[in-house]
């Protein structure tokens, strides 16, 4: 799923029960990885891709729901996000630092079209030969929520799930203090820009241009491609969102990143029960009006202000949100 994963929880009913629950959530994470990974030839996703342009492929309710979630995000972003954008991997090489030509992008553009993905009657059909579905953008966050759900079903009231920076919290820490989630400075790895005090059952996700990128002739090229252009989205370096679930947080963070500073902030402001912040390419921090109540920002949050320095301990990881020591007890 693109990075390290950890699950921490408090289990007061004995070590054997704790170990059994740990094995249960680990199996669930591996199940989702195996089912939706585009790197496995036997995955449900690979079977759908192998029949592109041919027949519909039978799919269970879970697969159809994830595909529909991705298609809905394509509509929300006006096509800037598209679950079929993965074909552009054929011409982008982030390891070698290769930028494709305009002709190469245009040649693949007909294969990037969410309207040609049909989900109907328990089957999924890619109408054009050569098309590919890539659920890398929703599968990891879905796994975070599924693991959190299993913990809740088992009676866990304190825990945190962190899969490569996508986070879901349950209750508070075992000592009763709130979870604090740090957000990386996009251009200064290992430093924290601000921190969130996560409420019970919150999902936190960050979309950023610093996880997979290269620079060429002074221009940064990153992996978050605008599907309408085949080129990296511009205007924002990272977006962090706190929402009721990890999947909802990631969907909105990705949508806001692709829409850019103005439309992205407006999108987040319009969502009930959601707060977030965008860091622009010129290093401004644009925050939703309620973020200052749960984050280390000036309060009330002023979109034109820089955040207050986060006086926090060292980060445990870099990439997306990371778990920090609490700012204070409440």
Foldseek 3Di string as FASTA:
>chain_A
DQDDKDKDFDDPPDDVVVVVLVVVLVVLLVVLCQQAPPVDCPHVQNVQLVQAQHDWDAADPVVLVLLVLQLVLCVVQVNQRFQQLVVLVVADDLVVRGDHDQVVLVVCLVLGDNVQWDDPDRTIYRNHRPTGGHSPLQSVQVSQQVSVVSCVVVPTQFMWIADQAKIWTHHAHPVQFFWKKFWDDLVDWFFGQKIFRDHHQKIKKKDFQRSGWDDDPRDIFGDSGRSVRSGHAAWFGMKMKIANGSSVRSSLRSSLSNNHDPVSQVVQLPDPRMWMWTQTPVGFIATHQPRVVGMQAPPRHDSRDRGDGDPFDTFPDTDGIGIGDDPDGD
